[in-house]
Amino acid sequence: MNHKPMGRIKKIQYDCRHATYLIEKREHKPLTLKENIQLLIHLAGCSVCRLFRRQNRQITQLMRNIFQRSAARPHLLDEKFKQEMQEKINQRLPN
């Protein structure tokens, strides 16, 4: 029985897992030269990981934009809402 095809599939799975790890890592800190080379070689032949990289970049950018916008303006509760919440709290507190 020949185990080579199964070995190739496991190698591809490992390479894709490693590539997605590197893609995620790259979003937060620089990769080493070795990691960059490994990733570039893998991406040259793997369209699935290239798609993941594009999607990951978009998600990361969207999240950064959301956090930057929310940090730029304070979140204040409406006075009416605060009063209603206080009334609900008071109703549930034991006397």
PDB file of N, CA and C in Angstrom:
ATOM      1  N   MET A   1       0.843  -1.188   0.000  1.00  0.00           N
ATOM      2  CA  MET A   1       0.000   0.000   0.000  1.00  0.00           C
ATOM      3  C   MET A   1       0.885   1.247   0.000  1.00  0.00           C
ATOM      4  N   ASN A   2       0.578   2.188  -0.852  1.00  0.00           N
ATOM      5  CA  ASN A   2       1.382   3.401  -1.004  1.00  0.00           C
ATOM      6  C   ASN A   2       0.804   4.513  -0.137  1.00  0.00           C
ATOM      7  N   HIS A   3       1.611   5.068   0.771  1.00  0.00           N
ATOM      8  CA  HIS A   3       1.154   6.119   1.685  1.00  0.00           C
ATOM      9  C   HIS A   3       1.552   7.515   1.219  1.00  0.00           C
ATOM     10  N   LYS A   4       2.172   7.614   0.068  1.00  0.00           N
ATOM     11  CA  LYS A   4       2.653   8.921  -0.383  1.00  0.00           C
ATOM     12  C   LYS A   4       1.541   9.946  -0.590  1.00  0.00           C
ATOM     13  N   PRO A   5       0.405   9.614  -1.250  1.00  0.00           N
ATOM     14  CA  PRO A   5      -0.630  10.635  -1.437  1.00  0.00           C
ATOM     15  C   PRO A   5      -1.145  11.187  -0.100  1.00  0.00           C
ATOM     16  N   MET A   6      -1.349  10.322   0.879  1.00  0.00           N
ATOM     17  CA  MET A   6      -1.821  10.787   2.176  1.00  0.00           C
ATOM     18  C   MET A   6      -0.771  11.670   2.836  1.00  0.00           C
ATOM     19  N   GLY A   7       0.488  11.338   2.680  1.00  0.00           N
ATOM     20  CA  GLY A   7       1.561  12.162   3.229  1.00  0.00           C
ATOM     21  C   GLY A   7       1.577  13.541   2.603  1.00  0.00           C
ATOM     22  N   ARG A   8       1.311  13.627   1.324  1.00  0.00           N
ATOM     23  CA  ARG A   8       1.256  14.922   0.631  1.00  0.00           C
ATOM     24  C   ARG A   8       0.099  15.773   1.151  1.00  0.00           C
ATOM     25  N   ILE A   9      -1.045  15.121   1.369  1.00  0.00           N
ATOM     26  CA  ILE A   9      -2.205  15.856   1.875  1.00  0.00           C
ATOM     27  C   ILE A   9      -1.902  16.419   3.260  1.00  0.00           C
ATOM     28  N   LYS A  10      -1.291  15.624   4.119  1.00  0.00           N
ATOM     29  CA  LYS A  10      -0.940  16.107   5.457  1.00  0.00           C
ATOM     30  C   LYS A  10       0.069  17.243   5.374  1.00  0.00           C
ATOM     31  N   LYS A  11       1.009  17.149   4.444  1.00  0.00           N
ATOM     32  CA  LYS A  11       2.006  18.210   4.273  1.00  0.00           C
ATOM     33  C   LYS A  11       1.326  19.494   3.821  1.00  0.00           C
ATOM     34  N   ILE A  12       0.386  19.388   2.901  1.00  0.00           N
ATOM     35  CA  ILE A  12      -0.342  20.566   2.423  1.00  0.00           C
ATOM     36  C   ILE A  12      -1.153  21.164   3.571  1.00  0.00           C
ATOM     37  N   GLN A  13      -1.826  20.305   4.360  1.00  0.00           N
ATOM     38  CA  GLN A  13      -2.593  20.801   5.499  1.00  0.00           C
ATOM     39  C   GLN A  13      -1.685  21.539   6.462  1.00  0.00           C
ATOM     40  N   TYR A  14      -0.523  20.954   6.759  1.00  0.00           N
ATOM     41  CA  TYR A  14       0.411  21.607   7.670  1.00  0.00           C
ATOM     42  C   TYR A  14       0.858  22.941   7.074  1.00  0.00           C
ATOM     43  N   ASP A  15       1.202  22.931   5.805  1.00  0.00           N
ATOM     44  CA  ASP A  15       1.667  24.163   5.172  1.00  0.00           C
ATOM     45  C   ASP A  15       0.598  25.244   5.212  1.00  0.00           C
ATOM     46  N   CYS A  16      -0.648  24.880   4.976  1.00  0.00           N
ATOM     47  CA  CYS A  16      -1.733  25.867   5.024  1.00  0.00           C
ATOM     48  C   CYS A  16      -1.952  26.356   6.449  1.00  0.00           C
ATOM     49  N   ARG A  17      -1.896  25.470   7.417  1.00  0.00           N
ATOM     50  CA  ARG A  17      -2.031  25.898   8.810  1.00  0.00           C
ATOM     51  C   ARG A  17      -0.912  26.855   9.188  1.00  0.00           C
ATOM     52  N   HIS A  18       0.284  26.507   8.780  1.00  0.00           N
ATOM     53  CA  HIS A  18       1.439  27.357   9.084  1.00  0.00           C
ATOM     54  C   HIS A  18       1.308  28.701   8.364  1.00  0.00           C
ATOM     55  N   ALA A  19       0.848  28.647   7.127  1.00  0.00           N
ATOM     56  CA  ALA A  19       0.683  29.885   6.351  1.00  0.00           C
ATOM     57  C   ALA A  19      -0.376  30.787   6.983  1.00  0.00           C
ATOM     58  N   THR A  20      -1.502  30.217   7.412  1.00  0.00           N
ATOM     59  CA  THR A  20      -2.533  31.049   8.039  1.00  0.00           C
ATOM     60  C   THR A  20      -2.027  31.622   9.358  1.00  0.00           C
ATOM     61  N   TYR A  21      -1.233  30.852  10.084  1.00  0.00           N
ATOM     62  CA  TYR A  21      -0.619  31.372  11.311  1.00  0.00           C
ATOM     63  C   TYR A  21       0.266  32.580  10.982  1.00  0.00           C
ATOM     64  N   LEU A  22       1.092  32.438   9.944  1.00  0.00           N
ATOM     65  CA  LEU A  22       1.986  33.531   9.563  1.00  0.00           C
ATOM     66  C   LEU A  22       1.207  34.751   9.053  1.00  0.00           C
ATOM     67  N   ILE A  23       0.134  34.503   8.331  1.00  0.00           N
ATOM     68  CA  ILE A  23      -0.700  35.600   7.840  1.00  0.00           C
ATOM     69  C   ILE A  23      -1.287  36.366   9.019  1.00  0.00           C
ATOM     70  N   GLU A  24      -1.794  35.645   9.998  1.00  0.00           N
ATOM     71  CA  GLU A  24      -2.334  36.289  11.197  1.00  0.00           C
ATOM     72  C   GLU A  24      -1.240  37.030  11.962  1.00  0.00           C
ATOM     73  N   LYS A  25      -0.109  36.377  12.121  1.00  0.00           N
ATOM     74  CA  LYS A  25       1.003  36.982  12.863  1.00  0.00           C
ATOM     75  C   LYS A  25       1.449  38.278  12.200  1.00  0.00           C
ATOM     76  N   ARG A  26       1.498  38.265  10.880  1.00  0.00           N
ATOM     77  CA  ARG A  26       1.964  39.433  10.126  1.00  0.00           C
ATOM     78  C   ARG A  26       1.078  40.654  10.363  1.00  0.00           C
ATOM     79  N   GLU A  27      -0.183  40.447  10.682  1.00  0.00           N
ATOM     80  CA  GLU A  27      -1.094  41.558  10.940  1.00  0.00           C
ATOM     81  C   GLU A  27      -0.741  42.290  12.235  1.00  0.00           C
ATOM     82  N   HIS A  28       0.014  41.629  13.126  1.00  0.00           N
ATOM     83  CA  HIS A  28       0.271  42.201  14.441  1.00  0.00           C
ATOM     84  C   HIS A  28       1.731  42.513  14.717  1.00  0.00           C
ATOM     85  N   LYS A  29       2.630  41.806  14.033  1.00  0.00           N
ATOM     86  CA  LYS A  29       4.055  42.097  14.199  1.00  0.00           C
ATOM     87  C   LYS A  29       4.819  41.577  12.993  1.00  0.00           C
ATOM     88  N   PRO A  30       6.012  42.104  12.772  1.00  0.00           N
ATOM     89  CA  PRO A  30       6.782  41.696  11.585  1.00  0.00           C
ATOM     90  C   PRO A  30       7.200  40.229  11.652  1.00  0.00           C
ATOM     91  N   LEU A  31       7.260  39.621  10.488  1.00  0.00           N
ATOM     92  CA  LEU A  31       7.751  38.248  10.380  1.00  0.00           C
ATOM     93  C   LEU A  31       9.267  38.264  10.229  1.00  0.00           C
ATOM     94  N   THR A  32       9.885  37.156  10.591  1.00  0.00           N
ATOM     95  CA  THR A  32      11.319  37.023  10.369  1.00  0.00           C
ATOM     96  C   THR A  32      11.547  36.817   8.876  1.00  0.00           C
ATOM     97  N   LEU A  33      12.771  36.935   8.453  1.00  0.00           N
ATOM     98  CA  LEU A  33      13.108  36.709   7.043  1.00  0.00           C
ATOM     99  C   LEU A  33      12.696  35.298   6.624  1.00  0.00           C
ATOM    100  N   LYS A  34      13.001  34.317   7.466  1.00  0.00           N
ATOM    101  CA  LYS A  34      12.651  32.922   7.160  1.00  0.00           C
ATOM    102  C   LYS A  34      11.132  32.767   7.028  1.00  0.00           C
ATOM    103  N   GLU A  35      10.380  33.373   7.949  1.00  0.00           N
ATOM    104  CA  GLU A  35       8.918  33.275   7.890  1.00  0.00           C
ATOM    105  C   GLU A  35       8.371  33.939   6.640  1.00  0.00           C
ATOM    106  N   ASN A  36       8.911  35.096   6.279  1.00  0.00           N
ATOM    107  CA  ASN A  36       8.484  35.779   5.062  1.00  0.00           C
ATOM    108  C   ASN A  36       8.707  34.914   3.836  1.00  0.00           C
ATOM    109  N   ILE A  37       9.863  34.286   3.759  1.00  0.00           N
ATOM    110  CA  ILE A  37      10.181  33.426   2.609  1.00  0.00           C
ATOM    111  C   ILE A  37       9.246  32.234   2.563  1.00  0.00           C
ATOM    112  N   GLN A  38       9.032  31.594   3.732  1.00  0.00           N
ATOM    113  CA  GLN A  38       8.117  30.445   3.784  1.00  0.00           C
ATOM    114  C   GLN A  38       6.723  30.847   3.311  1.00  0.00           C
ATOM    115  N   LEU A  39       6.266  31.984   3.784  1.00  0.00           N
ATOM    116  CA  LEU A  39       4.923  32.431   3.420  1.00  0.00           C
ATOM    117  C   LEU A  39       4.830  32.768   1.942  1.00  0.00           C
ATOM    118  N   LEU A  40       5.804  33.482   1.421  1.00  0.00           N
ATOM    119  CA  LEU A  40       5.781  33.837   0.003  1.00  0.00           C
ATOM    120  C   LEU A  40       5.785  32.605  -0.894  1.00  0.00           C
ATOM    121  N   ILE A  41       6.602  31.627  -0.540  1.00  0.00           N
ATOM    122  CA  ILE A  41       6.648  30.390  -1.336  1.00  0.00           C
ATOM    123  C   ILE A  41       5.304  29.686  -1.295  1.00  0.00           C
ATOM    124  N   HIS A  42       4.716  29.604  -0.096  1.00  0.00           N
ATOM    125  CA  HIS A  42       3.424  28.932   0.022  1.00  0.00           C
ATOM    126  C   HIS A  42       2.339  29.679  -0.753  1.00  0.00           C
ATOM    127  N   LEU A  43       2.307  31.001  -0.606  1.00  0.00           N
ATOM    128  CA  LEU A  43       1.274  31.784  -1.279  1.00  0.00           C
ATOM    129  C   LEU A  43       1.401  31.726  -2.797  1.00  0.00           C
ATOM    130  N   ALA A  44       2.610  31.532  -3.288  1.00  0.00           N
ATOM    131  CA  ALA A  44       2.811  31.438  -4.738  1.00  0.00           C
ATOM    132  C   ALA A  44       2.039  30.258  -5.323  1.00  0.00           C
ATOM    133  N   GLY A  45       1.834  29.216  -4.524  1.00  0.00           N
ATOM    134  CA  GLY A  45       1.169  28.032  -5.062  1.00  0.00           C
ATOM    135  C   GLY A  45      -0.177  27.717  -4.449  1.00  0.00           C
ATOM    136  N   CYS A  46      -0.657  28.535  -3.520  1.00  0.00           N
ATOM    137  CA  CYS A  46      -1.907  28.183  -2.830  1.00  0.00           C
ATOM    138  C   CYS A  46      -2.927  29.311  -2.938  1.00  0.00           C
ATOM    139  N   SER A  47      -3.886  29.137  -3.811  1.00  0.00           N
ATOM    140  CA  SER A  47      -4.909  30.169  -4.015  1.00  0.00           C
ATOM    141  C   SER A  47      -5.833  30.298  -2.807  1.00  0.00           C
ATOM    142  N   VAL A  48      -6.031  29.218  -2.067  1.00  0.00           N
ATOM    143  CA  VAL A  48      -6.889  29.266  -0.890  1.00  0.00           C
ATOM    144  C   VAL A  48      -6.273  30.179   0.171  1.00  0.00           C
ATOM    145  N   CYS A  49      -4.992  30.046   0.415  1.00  0.00           N
ATOM    146  CA  CYS A  49      -4.323  30.896   1.406  1.00  0.00           C
ATOM    147  C   CYS A  49      -4.209  32.342   0.918  1.00  0.00           C
ATOM    148  N   ARG A  50      -4.097  32.542  -0.387  1.00  0.00           N
ATOM    149  CA  ARG A  50      -4.095  33.918  -0.912  1.00  0.00           C
ATOM    150  C   ARG A  50      -5.447  34.578  -0.640  1.00  0.00           C
ATOM    151  N   LEU A  51      -6.520  33.819  -0.848  1.00  0.00           N
ATOM    152  CA  LEU A  51      -7.858  34.331  -0.555  1.00  0.00           C
ATOM    153  C   LEU A  51      -7.987  34.623   0.936  1.00  0.00           C
ATOM    154  N   PHE A  52      -7.503  33.717   1.782  1.00  0.00           N
ATOM    155  CA  PHE A  52      -7.533  33.938   3.231  1.00  0.00           C
ATOM    156  C   PHE A  52      -6.778  35.215   3.592  1.00  0.00           C
ATOM    157  N   ARG A  53      -5.632  35.424   2.975  1.00  0.00           N
ATOM    158  CA  ARG A  53      -4.833  36.626   3.264  1.00  0.00           C
ATOM    159  C   ARG A  53      -5.623  37.892   2.920  1.00  0.00           C
ATOM    160  N   ARG A  54      -6.277  37.907   1.758  1.00  0.00           N
ATOM    161  CA  ARG A  54      -7.069  39.079   1.365  1.00  0.00           C
ATOM    162  C   ARG A  54      -8.222  39.317   2.341  1.00  0.00           C
ATOM    163  N   GLN A  55      -8.926  38.244   2.676  1.00  0.00           N
ATOM    164  CA  GLN A  55     -10.052  38.375   3.594  1.00  0.00           C
ATOM    165  C   GLN A  55      -9.578  38.802   4.981  1.00  0.00           C
ATOM    166  N   ASN A  56      -8.471  38.246   5.429  1.00  0.00           N
ATOM    167  CA  ASN A  56      -7.928  38.581   6.735  1.00  0.00           C
ATOM    168  C   ASN A  56      -7.522  40.054   6.796  1.00  0.00           C
ATOM    169  N   ARG A  57      -6.919  40.544   5.730  1.00  0.00           N
ATOM    170  CA  ARG A  57      -6.545  41.964   5.677  1.00  0.00           C
ATOM    171  C   ARG A  57      -7.782  42.850   5.783  1.00  0.00           C
ATOM    172  N   GLN A  58      -8.826  42.493   5.052  1.00  0.00           N
ATOM    173  CA  GLN A  58     -10.058  43.287   5.074  1.00  0.00           C
ATOM    174  C   GLN A  58     -10.690  43.284   6.465  1.00  0.00           C
ATOM    175  N   ILE A  59     -10.761  42.122   7.087  1.00  0.00           N
ATOM    176  CA  ILE A  59     -11.352  42.031   8.422  1.00  0.00           C
ATOM    177  C   ILE A  59     -10.532  42.827   9.427  1.00  0.00           C
ATOM    178  N   THR A  60      -9.223  42.695   9.366  1.00  0.00           N
ATOM    179  CA  THR A  60      -8.351  43.433  10.284  1.00  0.00           C
ATOM    180  C   THR A  60      -8.524  44.927  10.104  1.00  0.00           C
ATOM    181  N   GLN A  61      -8.576  45.381   8.868  1.00  0.00           N
ATOM    182  CA  GLN A  61      -8.742  46.815   8.609  1.00  0.00           C
ATOM    183  C   GLN A  61     -10.096  47.311   9.091  1.00  0.00           C
ATOM    184  N   LEU A  62     -11.141  46.540   8.858  1.00  0.00           N
ATOM    185  CA  LEU A  62     -12.466  46.926   9.338  1.00  0.00           C
ATOM    186  C   LEU A  62     -12.487  47.030  10.855  1.00  0.00           C
ATOM    187  N   MET A  63     -11.885  46.073  11.531  1.00  0.00           N
ATOM    188  CA  MET A  63     -11.856  46.097  12.993  1.00  0.00           C
ATOM    189  C   MET A  63     -11.053  47.287  13.501  1.00  0.00           C
ATOM    190  N   ARG A  64      -9.941  47.581  12.876  1.00  0.00           N
ATOM    191  CA  ARG A  64      -9.154  48.752  13.278  1.00  0.00           C
ATOM    192  C   ARG A  64      -9.962  50.033  13.109  1.00  0.00           C
ATOM    193  N   ASN A  65     -10.670  50.135  11.993  1.00  0.00           N
ATOM    194  CA  ASN A  65     -11.503  51.318  11.758  1.00  0.00           C
ATOM    195  C   ASN A  65     -12.592  51.451  12.813  1.00  0.00           C
ATOM    196  N   ILE A  66     -13.224  50.334  13.150  1.00  0.00           N
ATOM    197  CA  ILE A  66     -14.277  50.365  14.165  1.00  0.00           C
ATOM    198  C   ILE A  66     -13.715  50.832  15.493  1.00  0.00           C
ATOM    199  N   PHE A  67     -12.581  50.272  15.902  1.00  0.00           N
ATOM    200  CA  PHE A  67     -12.005  50.647  17.185  1.00  0.00           C
ATOM    201  C   PHE A  67     -11.509  52.088  17.191  1.00  0.00           C
ATOM    202  N   GLN A  68     -10.950  52.537  16.087  1.00  0.00           N
ATOM    203  CA  GLN A  68     -10.493  53.927  16.024  1.00  0.00           C
ATOM    204  C   GLN A  68     -11.664  54.894  16.120  1.00  0.00           C
ATOM    205  N   ARG A  69     -12.753  54.588  15.412  1.00  0.00           N
ATOM    206  CA  ARG A  69     -13.932  55.460  15.472  1.00  0.00           C
ATOM    207  C   ARG A  69     -14.536  55.469  16.866  1.00  0.00           C
ATOM    208  N   SER A  70     -14.621  54.298  17.489  1.00  0.00           N
ATOM    209  CA  SER A  70     -15.252  54.256  18.808  1.00  0.00           C
ATOM    210  C   SER A  70     -14.366  54.913  19.856  1.00  0.00           C
ATOM    211  N   ALA A  71     -13.055  54.859  19.700  1.00  0.00           N
ATOM    212  CA  ALA A  71     -12.153  55.514  20.649  1.00  0.00           C
ATOM    213  C   ALA A  71     -12.181  57.022  20.471  1.00  0.00           C
ATOM    214  N   ALA A  72     -12.503  57.484  19.274  1.00  0.00           N
ATOM    215  CA  ALA A  72     -12.489  58.918  18.983  1.00  0.00           C
ATOM    216  C   ALA A  72     -13.679  59.647  19.603  1.00  0.00           C
ATOM    217  N   ARG A  73     -14.787  58.945  19.780  1.00  0.00           N
ATOM    218  CA  ARG A  73     -15.945  59.614  20.371  1.00  0.00           C
ATOM    219  C   ARG A  73     -16.406  58.833  21.600  1.00  0.00           C
ATOM    220  N   PRO A  74     -16.625  59.539  22.655  1.00  0.00           N
ATOM    221  CA  PRO A  74     -17.049  58.865  23.884  1.00  0.00           C
ATOM    222  C   PRO A  74     -18.474  58.322  23.749  1.00  0.00           C
ATOM    223  N   HIS A  75     -18.722  57.256  24.441  1.00  0.00           N
ATOM    224  CA  HIS A  75     -20.051  56.653  24.440  1.00  0.00           C
ATOM    225  C   HIS A  75     -20.808  57.155  25.659  1.00  0.00           C
ATOM    226  N   LEU A  76     -21.819  57.948  25.403  1.00  0.00           N
ATOM    227  CA  LEU A  76     -22.622  58.500  26.480  1.00  0.00           C
ATOM    228  C   LEU A  76     -24.039  57.960  26.375  1.00  0.00           C
ATOM    229  N   LEU A  77     -24.591  57.622  27.520  1.00  0.00           N
ATOM    230  CA  LEU A  77     -25.961  57.138  27.532  1.00  0.00           C
ATOM    231  C   LEU A  77     -26.919  58.312  27.648  1.00  0.00           C
ATOM    232  N   ASP A  78     -28.012  58.182  26.968  1.00  0.00           N
ATOM    233  CA  ASP A  78     -29.087  59.161  27.018  1.00  0.00           C
ATOM    234  C   ASP A  78     -29.627  59.226  28.454  1.00  0.00           C
ATOM    235  N   GLU A  79     -29.952  60.423  28.924  1.00  0.00           N
ATOM    236  CA  GLU A  79     -30.431  60.601  30.299  1.00  0.00           C
ATOM    237  C   GLU A  79     -31.714  59.817  30.567  1.00  0.00           C
ATOM    238  N   LYS A  80     -32.603  59.789  29.608  1.00  0.00           N
ATOM    239  CA  LYS A  80     -33.859  59.035  29.760  1.00  0.00           C
ATOM    240  C   LYS A  80     -33.560  57.546  29.928  1.00  0.00           C
ATOM    241  N   PHE A  81     -32.657  57.024  29.131  1.00  0.00           N
ATOM    242  CA  PHE A  81     -32.280  55.620  29.217  1.00  0.00           C
ATOM    243  C   PHE A  81     -31.684  55.318  30.592  1.00  0.00           C
ATOM    244  N   LYS A  82     -30.807  56.196  31.077  1.00  0.00           N
ATOM    245  CA  LYS A  82     -30.189  55.988  32.390  1.00  0.00           C
ATOM    246  C   LYS A  82     -31.255  55.966  33.495  1.00  0.00           C
ATOM    247  N   GLN A  83     -32.214  56.875  33.400  1.00  0.00           N
ATOM    248  CA  GLN A  83     -33.284  56.929  34.399  1.00  0.00           C
ATOM    249  C   GLN A  83     -34.112  55.647  34.375  1.00  0.00           C
ATOM    250  N   GLU A  84     -34.446  55.162  33.187  1.00  0.00           N
ATOM    251  CA  GLU A  84     -35.217  53.917  33.062  1.00  0.00           C
ATOM    252  C   GLU A  84     -34.444  52.735  33.639  1.00  0.00           C
ATOM    253  N   MET A  85     -33.161  52.686  33.363  1.00  0.00           N
ATOM    254  CA  MET A  85     -32.338  51.611  33.911  1.00  0.00           C
ATOM    255  C   MET A  85     -32.288  51.681  35.434  1.00  0.00           C
ATOM    256  N   GLN A  86     -32.150  52.880  35.981  1.00  0.00           N
ATOM    257  CA  GLN A  86     -32.111  53.047  37.434  1.00  0.00           C
ATOM    258  C   GLN A  86     -33.425  52.588  38.053  1.00  0.00           C
ATOM    259  N   GLU A  87     -34.541  52.901  37.416  1.00  0.00           N
ATOM    260  CA  GLU A  87     -35.848  52.471  37.915  1.00  0.00           C
ATOM    261  C   GLU A  87     -35.966  50.950  37.913  1.00  0.00           C
ATOM    262  N   LYS A  88     -35.493  50.310  36.854  1.00  0.00           N
ATOM    263  CA  LYS A  88     -35.518  48.837  36.783  1.00  0.00           C
ATOM    264  C   LYS A  88     -34.642  48.230  37.870  1.00  0.00           C
ATOM    265  N   ILE A  89     -33.498  48.804  38.102  1.00  0.00           N
ATOM    266  CA  ILE A  89     -32.605  48.318  39.161  1.00  0.00           C
ATOM    267  C   ILE A  89     -33.292  48.473  40.517  1.00  0.00           C
ATOM    268  N   ASN A  90     -33.865  49.630  40.756  1.00  0.00           N
ATOM    269  CA  ASN A  90     -34.551  49.886  42.030  1.00  0.00           C
ATOM    270  C   ASN A  90     -35.703  48.917  42.261  1.00  0.00           C
ATOM    271  N   GLN A  91     -36.429  48.559  41.211  1.00  0.00           N
ATOM    272  CA  GLN A  91     -37.552  47.636  41.331  1.00  0.00           C
ATOM    273  C   GLN A  91     -37.080  46.233  41.719  1.00  0.00           C
ATOM    274  N   ARG A  92     -35.922  45.858  41.286  1.00  0.00           N
ATOM    275  CA  ARG A  92     -35.440  44.490  41.537  1.00  0.00           C
ATOM    276  C   ARG A  92     -34.635  44.359  42.821  1.00  0.00           C
ATOM    277  N   LEU A  93     -34.236  45.460  43.383  1.00  0.00           N
ATOM    278  CA  LEU A  93     -33.480  45.423  44.645  1.00  0.00           C
ATOM    279  C   LEU A  93     -34.427  45.099  45.787  1.00  0.00           C
ATOM    280  N   PRO A  94     -33.971  44.230  46.708  1.00  0.00           N
ATOM    281  CA  PRO A  94     -34.830  43.962  47.866  1.00  0.00           C
ATOM    282  C   PRO A  94     -34.878  45.191  48.780  1.00  0.00           C
ATOM    283  N   ASN A  95     -36.003  45.400  49.396  1.00  0.00           N
ATOM    284  CA  ASN A  95     -36.173  46.569  50.291  1.00  0.00           C
ATOM    285  C   ASN A  95     -35.463  46.370  51.583  1.00  0.00           C
TER     286      ASN A  95
END
